[in-house]
Amino acid sequence: MAEVKIAGIRKSFGDVAVLHGIDAAIADGEFMVLLGPSGCGKSTLLRIVAGLETQSAGDVSIGGRVVNDVEPKDRNIAMVFQNYALYPHLSVYDNMAYGLRVRGTPKPEIERRVQEAARILELAPLLARKPRQLSGGQRQRVAMGRAIVRDPQVFLFDEPLSNLDAKLRVQMRIEIRRLHQSIRTTSIYVTHDQVEAMTLADRLIVMNAGHAEQVGAPLEVYERPASVFVAGFIGAPAMNLLRARVAGGRAMAGAAALPLPLAAGLDEGREVTWGVRPEHVELAPGAAEADVEVVVDLVEALGADTLVHARLADGGALTLRLPGTTRVREGDRLPLRLPPAALHAFDAASGRRI
């Protein structure tokens, strides 16, 4: 295992800059997730750590050694890709053992490592099978087993679950988390799926257009997003965000006078982006206790939850996440409470948290 340090990493393809000075320190044994939409630069950053791309500026260190000029095969890393990349003519055992044989590892050591990886990943009954005889989830476990047998300092995962169906993704998330808890190898995991990120990460880096918008533990990022981008990207449904102006101690979003976050300390007239998560909006007992009233446009009954898409008097939209037992119909008027402790405010110009 080893600490990974990323210092001032920049990357340009010709005149197009795709990474703009990324800094991060991944602790020994930590599971770090790079999260962001397609095209944000997360896979490029992972490939730079792997040595498959060369940075335009900055340093990558693994285990205290700067590896800028070190070949990928000599960085003591193992990578698991979206594509399983298994040899179809080889058995599961031989797929897992192939890299060790190429390196000249003694046969008894190969046997020990393959059997241990098969035990961890519950592949022992499948070692004689060919890839075509395996399910998608089993193939991905073989790909992980091939990485484990190398006993690397660092695991790199590049969207490994993207090709799996929803049920298998849930199963594989659990297996990857169990794997990490078992072997505690430093891991960097790329995904655009926030559920994967929130459930797997010790910490995550939220990336946007080549910038690291925020680095932190999943719940920290959820509870205190550093920017409008993070607020809108983390959470499903996304945070409600409204443009507003501070007036009379309220956030005026059109004609709606909304409460401000606790201890916001906002000056009169300041332009802000006001936010609240759908799950933090509460139904008020009546109009007298309400902060605002909305009209219901659409109801999505999901069983455990009911999603309500509503609008303020001037047309501003709010999404509410209510208990599944809530009975609401289109056209209903709902009095809402907006707890100040659950509210957010961002600078309208910069998008950064106030």
Protein backbone atom coordinates (compact mmCIF):
# COMPACT_ATOMS: atom_id res chain seq x y z
CA MET A 1 0.00 0.00 0.00
CA ALA A 2 1.09 3.60 -0.53
CA GLU A 3 0.05 7.22 -0.36
CA VAL A 4 -0.64 8.86 -3.72
CA LYS A 5 0.03 12.59 -4.15
CA ILE A 6 -1.23 14.60 -7.11
CA ALA A 7 0.35 18.06 -7.20
CA GLY A 8 -0.57 20.79 -9.68
CA ILE A 9 -1.58 18.39 -12.44
CA ARG A 10 -2.42 20.12 -15.71
CA LYS A 11 -3.17 18.52 -19.04
CA SER A 12 -3.71 20.01 -22.47
CA PHE A 13 -4.39 18.34 -25.78
CA GLY A 14 -2.99 20.89 -28.21
CA ASP A 15 -4.66 24.19 -27.37
CA VAL A 16 -7.43 22.52 -25.36
CA ALA A 17 -6.82 22.46 -21.59
CA VAL A 18 -8.65 19.59 -19.89
CA LEU A 19 -7.11 19.67 -16.38
CA HIS A 20 -6.43 22.95 -14.61
CA GLY A 21 -4.10 22.29 -11.69
CA ILE A 22 -5.48 19.36 -9.67
CA ASP A 23 -4.11 18.80 -6.15
CA ALA A 24 -4.97 15.83 -3.96
CA ALA A 25 -3.38 13.54 -1.40
CA ILE A 26 -4.82 10.01 -1.18
CA ALA A 27 -3.80 8.44 2.12
CA ASP A 28 -2.35 4.96 2.47
CA GLY A 29 -5.29 2.54 2.34
CA GLU A 30 -7.85 5.20 1.42
CA PHE A 31 -10.63 4.72 -1.15
CA MET A 32 -10.82 7.95 -3.17
CA VAL A 33 -13.51 8.46 -5.81
CA LEU A 34 -13.20 10.87 -8.74
CA LEU A 35 -16.78 11.92 -9.47
CA GLY A 36 -18.12 14.12 -12.23
CA PRO A 37 -20.02 14.26 -15.52
CA SER A 38 -18.65 13.00 -18.82
CA GLY A 39 -15.85 15.17 -20.13
CA CYS A 40 -14.84 16.64 -16.76
CA GLY A 41 -11.33 15.13 -16.90
CA LYS A 42 -11.64 12.39 -14.26
CA SER A 43 -10.52 9.51 -16.51
CA THR A 44 -7.68 11.63 -17.90
CA LEU A 45 -6.47 12.26 -14.34
CA LEU A 46 -6.65 8.54 -13.55
CA ARG A 47 -4.69 7.71 -16.71
CA ILE A 48 -2.02 10.22 -15.69
CA VAL A 49 -1.69 8.46 -12.32
CA ALA A 50 -1.42 5.16 -14.20
CA GLY A 51 1.20 6.53 -16.60
CA LEU A 52 -1.01 5.98 -19.65
CA GLU A 53 -1.11 9.76 -20.25
CA THR A 54 1.63 12.30 -19.65
CA GLN A 55 0.71 15.45 -17.75
CA SER A 56 1.56 18.86 -19.18
CA ALA A 57 2.61 20.07 -15.71
CA GLY A 58 2.68 18.82 -12.13
CA ASP A 59 3.86 15.71 -10.29
CA VAL A 60 2.46 12.31 -9.37
CA SER A 61 4.00 10.51 -6.39
CA ILE A 62 3.30 6.93 -5.30
CA GLY A 63 4.67 5.75 -2.00
CA GLY A 64 6.87 8.83 -1.71
CA ARG A 65 8.45 8.33 -5.16
CA VAL A 66 7.82 10.78 -7.99
CA VAL A 67 6.74 8.60 -10.94
CA ASN A 68 6.44 11.19 -13.72
CA ASP A 69 9.05 9.37 -15.83
CA VAL A 70 8.29 5.84 -14.64
CA GLU A 71 6.68 3.40 -17.08
CA PRO A 72 3.18 2.12 -16.16
CA LYS A 73 4.46 -1.43 -15.64
CA ASP A 74 6.98 -0.16 -13.09
CA ARG A 75 4.58 1.96 -10.99
CA ASN A 76 3.32 -1.06 -9.02
CA ILE A 77 -0.31 -0.32 -9.78
CA ALA A 78 -3.18 -2.45 -11.06
CA MET A 79 -6.03 -1.12 -13.18
CA VAL A 80 -9.59 -2.40 -13.60
CA PHE A 81 -11.33 -1.06 -16.70
CA GLN A 82 -14.92 -0.70 -17.86
CA ASN A 83 -14.10 -3.37 -20.42
CA TYR A 84 -13.20 -6.64 -18.70
CA ALA A 85 -10.46 -7.34 -21.31
CA LEU A 86 -10.35 -11.07 -20.53
CA TYR A 87 -8.67 -13.58 -22.83
CA PRO A 88 -11.63 -15.60 -24.21
CA HIS A 89 -9.57 -18.76 -24.84
CA LEU A 90 -8.14 -18.91 -21.32
CA SER A 91 -9.80 -20.22 -18.18
CA VAL A 92 -10.58 -17.97 -15.23
CA TYR A 93 -7.48 -19.34 -13.48
CA ASP A 94 -5.24 -18.66 -16.46
CA ASN A 95 -6.67 -15.16 -16.98
CA MET A 96 -5.82 -14.33 -13.39
CA ALA A 97 -2.40 -15.97 -13.56
CA TYR A 98 -1.34 -14.61 -16.97
CA GLY A 99 0.35 -11.42 -15.79
CA LEU A 100 2.28 -13.26 -13.09
CA ARG A 101 3.55 -15.83 -15.60
CA VAL A 102 4.73 -13.07 -17.95
CA ARG A 103 6.69 -11.59 -15.03
CA GLY A 104 8.31 -14.95 -14.29
CA THR A 105 6.65 -15.46 -10.91
CA PRO A 106 7.33 -18.98 -9.53
CA LYS A 107 4.48 -21.45 -9.99
CA PRO A 108 3.85 -22.04 -6.25
CA GLU A 109 3.53 -18.28 -5.73
CA ILE A 110 1.13 -17.99 -8.69
CA GLU A 111 -0.98 -20.79 -7.24
CA ARG A 112 -1.06 -19.14 -3.81
CA ARG A 113 -2.01 -15.71 -5.13
CA VAL A 114 -4.68 -16.95 -7.55
CA GLN A 115 -6.29 -19.18 -4.93
CA GLU A 116 -6.29 -16.36 -2.37
CA ALA A 117 -7.86 -13.92 -4.83
CA ALA A 118 -10.43 -16.54 -5.83
CA ARG A 119 -11.31 -17.03 -2.15
CA ILE A 120 -11.75 -13.29 -1.55
CA LEU A 121 -13.92 -12.86 -4.66
CA GLU A 122 -15.78 -16.19 -4.32
CA LEU A 123 -14.46 -17.39 -7.68
CA ALA A 124 -13.04 -20.74 -6.56
CA PRO A 125 -15.87 -22.82 -8.17
CA LEU A 126 -15.38 -20.95 -11.46
CA LEU A 127 -11.63 -21.24 -11.98
CA ALA A 128 -11.92 -23.84 -14.76
CA ARG A 129 -14.55 -21.92 -16.76
CA LYS A 130 -13.97 -19.75 -19.82
CA PRO A 131 -15.18 -16.11 -19.84
CA ARG A 132 -18.09 -16.93 -22.18
CA GLN A 133 -19.50 -19.19 -19.45
CA LEU A 134 -19.65 -16.33 -16.93
CA SER A 135 -22.15 -13.59 -16.19
CA GLY A 136 -21.18 -9.92 -16.48
CA GLY A 137 -20.70 -9.64 -12.75
CA GLN A 138 -18.54 -12.76 -12.64
CA ARG A 139 -16.36 -11.44 -15.47
CA GLN A 140 -15.84 -8.18 -13.62
CA ARG A 141 -14.84 -10.15 -10.52
CA VAL A 142 -12.29 -12.03 -12.62
CA ALA A 143 -10.91 -8.70 -13.86
CA MET A 144 -10.59 -7.57 -10.24
CA GLY A 145 -8.97 -10.87 -9.33
CA ARG A 146 -6.40 -10.39 -12.07
CA ALA A 147 -5.56 -7.04 -10.45
CA ILE A 148 -5.46 -8.45 -6.90
CA VAL A 149 -2.95 -11.20 -7.69
CA ARG A 150 -0.39 -8.57 -8.66
CA ASP A 151 -0.41 -7.34 -5.04
CA PRO A 152 -0.07 -3.71 -6.18
CA GLN A 153 0.49 -0.60 -4.08
CA VAL A 154 -2.51 1.09 -5.72
CA PHE A 155 -5.73 -0.03 -7.42
CA LEU A 156 -7.13 2.18 -10.17
CA PHE A 157 -10.77 1.63 -11.23
CA ASP A 158 -12.02 3.30 -14.42
CA GLU A 159 -15.85 3.11 -14.36
CA PRO A 160 -15.74 -0.68 -13.85
CA LEU A 161 -19.51 -1.11 -13.39
CA SER A 162 -20.77 0.88 -16.38
CA ASN A 163 -21.48 -2.21 -18.49
CA LEU A 164 -23.56 -3.95 -15.81
CA ASP A 165 -27.32 -3.76 -15.31
CA ALA A 166 -28.75 -1.96 -12.29
CA LYS A 167 -29.08 -5.03 -10.07
CA LEU A 168 -25.54 -6.21 -10.79
CA ARG A 169 -24.16 -2.73 -10.15
CA VAL A 170 -25.63 -2.82 -6.64
CA GLN A 171 -24.14 -6.26 -6.03
CA MET A 172 -20.72 -5.26 -7.37
CA ARG A 173 -20.66 -2.06 -5.29
CA ILE A 174 -21.09 -4.20 -2.20
CA GLU A 175 -18.37 -6.60 -3.35
CA ILE A 176 -15.90 -3.79 -4.14
CA ARG A 177 -16.50 -2.24 -0.72
CA ARG A 178 -15.99 -5.62 0.98
CA LEU A 179 -12.85 -6.17 -1.08
CA HIS A 180 -11.40 -2.87 0.03
CA GLN A 181 -12.25 -3.52 3.68
CA SER A 182 -10.51 -6.88 3.36
CA ILE A 183 -7.23 -5.86 1.70
CA ARG A 184 -7.10 -2.08 2.46
CA THR A 185 -5.11 -1.22 -0.66
CA THR A 186 -5.02 2.45 -1.68
CA SER A 187 -7.68 2.85 -4.38
CA ILE A 188 -8.73 5.53 -6.86
CA TYR A 189 -12.11 4.97 -8.49
CA VAL A 190 -13.60 6.94 -11.40
CA THR A 191 -17.37 7.19 -11.87
CA HIS A 192 -20.12 9.54 -13.02
CA ASP A 193 -22.62 7.71 -10.79
CA GLN A 194 -23.12 9.61 -7.55
CA VAL A 195 -24.64 6.57 -5.80
CA GLU A 196 -21.45 4.61 -6.45
CA ALA A 197 -19.41 7.55 -5.22
CA MET A 198 -21.42 8.11 -2.03
CA THR A 199 -21.49 4.42 -1.06
CA LEU A 200 -17.89 3.50 -1.91
CA ALA A 201 -15.78 6.54 -1.08
CA ASP A 202 -13.85 7.36 2.06
CA ARG A 203 -13.47 10.73 0.35
CA LEU A 204 -14.37 12.00 -3.08
CA ILE A 205 -13.19 14.65 -5.50
CA VAL A 206 -16.07 16.28 -7.36
CA MET A 207 -14.75 17.40 -10.75
CA ASN A 208 -16.18 19.89 -13.20
CA ALA A 209 -14.62 21.00 -16.50
CA GLY A 210 -11.11 20.02 -15.39
CA HIS A 211 -11.35 21.63 -11.94
CA ALA A 212 -11.64 19.96 -8.53
CA GLU A 213 -14.78 21.67 -7.23
CA GLN A 214 -14.67 20.02 -3.81
CA VAL A 215 -12.73 17.35 -1.92
CA GLY A 216 -14.30 15.77 1.14
CA ALA A 217 -16.12 12.88 2.77
CA PRO A 218 -19.41 11.97 1.04
CA LEU A 219 -21.70 13.29 3.77
CA GLU A 220 -19.62 16.47 4.09
CA VAL A 221 -20.06 17.13 0.37
CA TYR A 222 -23.78 16.35 0.59
CA GLU A 223 -24.40 18.55 3.64
CA ARG A 224 -22.12 21.48 2.74
CA PRO A 225 -21.62 21.65 -1.03
CA ALA A 226 -18.88 24.12 -1.89
CA SER A 227 -20.51 25.41 -5.07
CA VAL A 228 -23.70 25.55 -7.08
CA PHE A 229 -22.29 22.84 -9.34
CA VAL A 230 -21.69 20.43 -6.45
CA ALA A 231 -25.09 21.25 -4.94
CA GLY A 232 -26.82 20.41 -8.21
CA PHE A 233 -24.73 17.33 -8.99
CA ILE A 234 -24.87 15.56 -5.62
CA GLY A 235 -28.31 14.33 -4.62
CA ALA A 236 -31.20 12.70 -6.42
CA PRO A 237 -33.36 14.57 -7.11
CA ALA A 238 -30.97 17.49 -7.34
CA MET A 239 -31.05 20.38 -4.90
CA ASN A 240 -33.65 23.06 -5.62
CA LEU A 241 -31.76 26.21 -6.69
CA LEU A 242 -33.40 29.62 -7.17
CA ARG A 243 -31.91 32.99 -8.03
CA ALA A 244 -32.78 35.49 -5.33
CA ARG A 245 -31.94 38.89 -3.83
CA VAL A 246 -31.54 39.51 -0.09
CA ALA A 247 -34.17 41.97 1.14
CA GLY A 248 -35.56 42.50 4.64
CA GLY A 249 -33.79 39.45 6.00
CA ARG A 250 -35.35 37.17 3.38
CA ALA A 251 -34.32 35.75 0.03
CA MET A 252 -36.66 37.25 -2.55
CA ALA A 253 -37.07 34.78 -5.42
CA GLY A 254 -39.48 36.72 -7.58
CA ALA A 255 -42.52 37.34 -5.38
CA ALA A 256 -41.63 34.54 -2.95
CA ALA A 257 -40.00 35.60 0.33
CA LEU A 258 -37.89 32.64 1.40
CA PRO A 259 -36.02 32.20 4.70
CA LEU A 260 -32.25 32.52 4.70
CA PRO A 261 -29.79 29.91 6.01
CA LEU A 262 -28.78 30.17 9.65
CA ALA A 263 -25.91 32.60 10.29
CA ALA A 264 -25.68 33.47 6.62
CA GLY A 265 -24.73 37.09 7.38
CA LEU A 266 -25.91 38.33 4.00
CA ASP A 267 -25.96 42.01 3.13
CA GLU A 268 -29.12 43.68 1.87
CA GLY A 269 -29.38 43.62 -1.90
CA ARG A 270 -26.89 40.81 -2.40
CA GLU A 271 -27.60 38.52 -5.35
CA VAL A 272 -27.54 34.87 -4.31
CA THR A 273 -28.48 31.40 -5.43
CA TRP A 274 -30.74 29.99 -2.74
CA GLY A 275 -30.97 26.23 -2.27
CA VAL A 276 -32.80 23.48 -0.40
CA ARG A 277 -32.75 19.73 -0.96
CA PRO A 278 -36.11 18.10 -1.85
CA GLU A 279 -35.90 15.82 1.19
CA HIS A 280 -35.51 18.77 3.57
CA VAL A 281 -38.74 20.52 2.57
CA GLU A 282 -41.52 19.91 5.09
CA LEU A 283 -45.30 20.12 4.83
CA ALA A 284 -46.64 22.78 7.20
CA PRO A 285 -49.76 22.06 9.32
CA GLY A 286 -51.44 25.10 7.80
CA ALA A 287 -50.95 28.37 5.96
CA ALA A 288 -50.22 30.28 9.17
CA GLU A 289 -47.18 28.08 9.91
CA ALA A 290 -45.92 28.03 6.31
CA ASP A 291 -42.89 29.81 4.85
CA VAL A 292 -44.27 29.56 1.33
CA GLU A 293 -47.12 27.99 -0.62
CA VAL A 294 -46.76 26.03 -3.86
CA VAL A 295 -49.09 24.55 -6.46
CA VAL A 296 -48.55 20.89 -7.42
CA ASP A 297 -47.77 20.28 -11.10
CA LEU A 298 -46.82 16.60 -11.11
CA VAL A 299 -46.73 13.72 -8.63
CA GLU A 300 -44.43 10.70 -8.92
CA ALA A 301 -45.46 7.95 -6.50
CA LEU A 302 -42.36 5.78 -6.05
CA GLY A 303 -43.55 3.60 -3.17
CA ALA A 304 -41.26 4.51 -0.27
CA ASP A 305 -41.14 8.14 -1.47
CA THR A 306 -43.40 10.52 -3.34
CA LEU A 307 -41.75 13.13 -5.53
CA VAL A 308 -43.81 16.28 -5.95
CA HIS A 309 -42.96 18.79 -8.67
CA ALA A 310 -44.49 22.13 -7.73
CA ARG A 311 -44.28 25.83 -8.57
CA LEU A 312 -44.25 29.04 -6.60
CA ALA A 313 -46.75 31.78 -7.32
CA ASP A 314 -44.39 33.46 -9.81
CA GLY A 315 -43.50 30.21 -11.57
CA GLY A 316 -40.27 29.23 -9.75
CA ALA A 317 -40.01 25.44 -9.48
CA LEU A 318 -39.53 23.34 -6.33
CA THR A 319 -39.24 19.57 -6.09
CA LEU A 320 -40.30 17.93 -2.81
CA ARG A 321 -39.43 14.46 -1.54
CA LEU A 322 -42.24 13.37 0.77
CA PRO A 323 -43.05 10.06 2.50
CA GLY A 324 -44.70 7.49 0.23
CA THR A 325 -47.85 7.61 2.33
CA THR A 326 -48.41 11.28 1.44
CA ARG A 327 -51.53 11.77 -0.66
CA VAL A 328 -51.11 14.68 -3.06
CA ARG A 329 -52.83 15.47 -6.35
CA GLU A 330 -52.01 17.76 -9.24
CA GLY A 331 -53.42 21.22 -8.63
CA ASP A 332 -53.27 20.96 -4.82
CA ARG A 333 -51.90 23.94 -2.89
CA LEU A 334 -49.32 22.90 -0.32
CA PRO A 335 -48.09 25.05 2.59
CA LEU A 336 -44.37 24.38 3.11
CA ARG A 337 -41.86 24.89 5.88
CA LEU A 338 -38.23 25.52 4.94
CA PRO A 339 -36.04 24.88 8.00
CA PRO A 340 -33.20 27.47 8.04
CA ALA A 341 -30.69 24.83 9.19
CA ALA A 342 -31.30 22.91 5.94
CA LEU A 343 -30.95 25.90 3.59
CA HIS A 344 -27.96 26.92 1.46
CA ALA A 345 -26.78 30.17 -0.10
CA PHE A 346 -24.25 30.63 -2.89
CA ASP A 347 -22.80 33.77 -4.40
CA ALA A 348 -24.71 34.46 -7.62
CA ALA A 349 -21.62 35.59 -9.52
CA SER A 350 -19.01 33.02 -8.50
CA GLY A 351 -21.31 30.13 -7.62
CA ARG A 352 -19.28 29.47 -4.45
CA ARG A 353 -20.85 28.74 -1.08
CA ILE A 354 -21.38 31.74 1.20
